[in-house]
Amino acid sequence: MENIEKEKKEQLIILSNKQNLSVSGTNKIISLKPELIQLDTVYGGLIISGEKLELVKLDNATTRAEINGNINAIKFLQEKDKEPFFRKIFK
């Protein structure tokens, strides 16, 4: 059911001149530092790394975040393995 919901949602990530980033489908901001911004999006965690990063705009109505700075990398976090901890130990 969760996969069906993700397929229906659209997310746009637009990077202009390696300095202006627009991300739609943003649920919330997890971390906000000048060298790293972590967002929770409709497709999971998203990490933006670089220098002098700043959140310029966050519009909750359109779920769009705009970030400026020297952007070096954009990375999606993989979902964690859902197997219980003790089952991994006692395999």
C-alpha atoms as a PDB file:
ATOM      1  CA  MET A   1       0.000   0.000   0.000  1.00  0.00           C
ATOM      2  CA  GLU A   2       2.828   2.389   0.873  1.00  0.00           C
ATOM      3  CA  ASN A   3       4.506   1.858  -2.530  1.00  0.00           C
ATOM      4  CA  ILE A   4       1.250   2.711  -4.322  1.00  0.00           C
ATOM      5  CA  GLU A   5       1.014   5.999  -2.428  1.00  0.00           C
ATOM      6  CA  LYS A   6       4.611   6.910  -3.339  1.00  0.00           C
ATOM      7  CA  GLU A   7       4.004   6.167  -7.024  1.00  0.00           C
ATOM      8  CA  LYS A   8       1.107   8.616  -7.136  1.00  0.00           C
ATOM      9  CA  LYS A   9       3.104  11.511  -5.688  1.00  0.00           C
ATOM     10  CA  GLU A  10       5.349  13.629  -7.858  1.00  0.00           C
ATOM     11  CA  GLN A  11       8.559  15.246  -6.746  1.00  0.00           C
ATOM     12  CA  LEU A  12      10.605  17.761  -8.686  1.00  0.00           C
ATOM     13  CA  ILE A  13      14.195  18.608  -7.840  1.00  0.00           C
ATOM     14  CA  ILE A  14      15.588  21.505  -9.866  1.00  0.00           C
ATOM     15  CA  LEU A  15      19.204  22.610  -9.529  1.00  0.00           C
ATOM     16  CA  SER A  16      20.229  25.836 -11.289  1.00  0.00           C
ATOM     17  CA  ASN A  17      23.875  26.865 -11.693  1.00  0.00           C
ATOM     18  CA  LYS A  18      24.908  24.603  -8.799  1.00  0.00           C
ATOM     19  CA  GLN A  19      23.651  27.330  -6.431  1.00  0.00           C
ATOM     20  CA  ASN A  20      19.845  27.402  -6.447  1.00  0.00           C
ATOM     21  CA  LEU A  21      17.884  24.286  -5.535  1.00  0.00           C
ATOM     22  CA  SER A  22      14.124  23.838  -5.551  1.00  0.00           C
ATOM     23  CA  VAL A  23      12.605  20.683  -4.024  1.00  0.00           C
ATOM     24  CA  SER A  24       8.900  19.911  -4.168  1.00  0.00           C
ATOM     25  CA  GLY A  25       7.269  17.247  -2.022  1.00  0.00           C
ATOM     26  CA  THR A  26       9.004  18.397   1.145  1.00  0.00           C
ATOM     27  CA  ASN A  27       7.315  17.222   4.352  1.00  0.00           C
ATOM     28  CA  LYS A  28       9.649  18.750   6.947  1.00  0.00           C
ATOM     29  CA  ILE A  29      13.177  19.908   7.665  1.00  0.00           C
ATOM     30  CA  ILE A  30      15.216  17.461   9.741  1.00  0.00           C
ATOM     31  CA  SER A  31      18.510  19.365   9.968  1.00  0.00           C
ATOM     32  CA  LEU A  32      19.602  22.818   8.874  1.00  0.00           C
ATOM     33  CA  LYS A  33      23.317  23.687   8.914  1.00  0.00           C
ATOM     34  CA  PRO A  34      25.449  25.828   6.567  1.00  0.00           C
ATOM     35  CA  GLU A  35      27.182  22.702   5.203  1.00  0.00           C
ATOM     36  CA  LEU A  36      24.297  20.185   5.346  1.00  0.00           C
ATOM     37  CA  ILE A  37      20.523  20.311   5.011  1.00  0.00           C
ATOM     38  CA  GLN A  38      18.432  17.199   5.568  1.00  0.00           C
ATOM     39  CA  LEU A  39      14.803  17.076   4.437  1.00  0.00           C
ATOM     40  CA  ASP A  40      12.014  14.535   4.794  1.00  0.00           C
ATOM     41  CA  THR A  41      10.265  14.258   1.423  1.00  0.00           C
ATOM     42  CA  VAL A  42       7.506  12.162  -0.121  1.00  0.00           C
ATOM     43  CA  TYR A  43      10.203   9.722  -1.283  1.00  0.00           C
ATOM     44  CA  GLY A  44      12.160   9.591   1.982  1.00  0.00           C
ATOM     45  CA  GLY A  45      15.160  11.424   3.372  1.00  0.00           C
ATOM     46  CA  LEU A  46      17.107  13.838   1.184  1.00  0.00           C
ATOM     47  CA  ILE A  47      20.526  15.251   2.087  1.00  0.00           C
ATOM     48  CA  ILE A  48      21.933  18.364   0.443  1.00  0.00           C
ATOM     49  CA  SER A  49      25.585  19.040   1.182  1.00  0.00           C
ATOM     50  CA  GLY A  50      27.730  22.002   0.247  1.00  0.00           C
ATOM     51  CA  GLU A  51      28.909  25.337   1.584  1.00  0.00           C
ATOM     52  CA  LYS A  52      27.047  28.404   2.830  1.00  0.00           C
ATOM     53  CA  LEU A  53      23.689  26.625   2.435  1.00  0.00           C
ATOM     54  CA  GLU A  54      20.600  28.499   3.527  1.00  0.00           C
ATOM     55  CA  LEU A  55      16.899  27.761   3.369  1.00  0.00           C
ATOM     56  CA  VAL A  56      15.438  30.704   1.496  1.00  0.00           C
ATOM     57  CA  LYS A  57      11.822  29.622   1.384  1.00  0.00           C
ATOM     58  CA  LEU A  58       9.632  26.808   2.693  1.00  0.00           C
ATOM     59  CA  ASP A  59       6.052  26.852   1.447  1.00  0.00           C
ATOM     60  CA  ASN A  60       3.859  24.388   3.323  1.00  0.00           C
ATOM     61  CA  ALA A  61       0.932  24.902   0.949  1.00  0.00           C
ATOM     62  CA  THR A  62       2.905  23.728  -2.109  1.00  0.00           C
ATOM     63  CA  THR A  63       5.423  21.616  -0.090  1.00  0.00           C
ATOM     64  CA  ARG A  64       8.284  23.377  -1.901  1.00  0.00           C
ATOM     65  CA  ALA A  65      11.651  24.228  -0.332  1.00  0.00           C
ATOM     66  CA  GLU A  66      14.151  26.597  -1.922  1.00  0.00           C
ATOM     67  CA  ILE A  67      17.813  26.438  -0.954  1.00  0.00           C
ATOM     68  CA  ASN A  68      20.713  28.685  -1.972  1.00  0.00           C
ATOM     69  CA  GLY A  69      24.456  28.183  -1.564  1.00  0.00           C
ATOM     70  CA  ASN A  70      27.290  26.194  -3.121  1.00  0.00           C
ATOM     71  CA  ILE A  71      25.647  22.791  -3.604  1.00  0.00           C
ATOM     72  CA  ASN A  72      28.074  19.882  -3.894  1.00  0.00           C
ATOM     73  CA  ALA A  73      25.808  16.826  -3.570  1.00  0.00           C
ATOM     74  CA  ILE A  74      22.181  15.749  -3.399  1.00  0.00           C
ATOM     75  CA  LYS A  75      21.545  12.286  -2.009  1.00  0.00           C
ATOM     76  CA  PHE A  76      18.457  10.245  -1.168  1.00  0.00           C
ATOM     77  CA  LEU A  77      18.661   8.121   1.965  1.00  0.00           C
ATOM     78  CA  GLN A  78      17.691   4.488   1.564  1.00  0.00           C
ATOM     79  CA  GLU A  79      14.904   3.158   3.713  1.00  0.00           C
ATOM     80  CA  LYS A  80      16.138   1.220   6.713  1.00  0.00           C
ATOM     81  CA  ASP A  81      15.942  -2.527   6.711  1.00  0.00           C
ATOM     82  CA  LYS A  82      12.733  -3.434   8.548  1.00  0.00           C
ATOM     83  CA  GLU A  83      13.987  -6.787   9.875  1.00  0.00           C
ATOM     84  CA  PRO A  84      13.964  -6.859  13.711  1.00  0.00           C
ATOM     85  CA  PHE A  85      17.297  -6.280  15.428  1.00  0.00           C
ATOM     86  CA  PHE A  86      17.408  -9.609  17.319  1.00  0.00           C
ATOM     87  CA  ARG A  87      16.540 -11.618  14.206  1.00  0.00           C
ATOM     88  CA  LYS A  88      19.632 -10.199  12.517  1.00  0.00           C
ATOM     89  CA  ILE A  89      21.818 -11.224  15.467  1.00  0.00           C
ATOM     90  CA  PHE A  90      20.544 -14.794  15.796  1.00  0.00           C
ATOM     91  CA  LYS A  91      20.554 -15.840  12.140  1.00  0.00           C
END
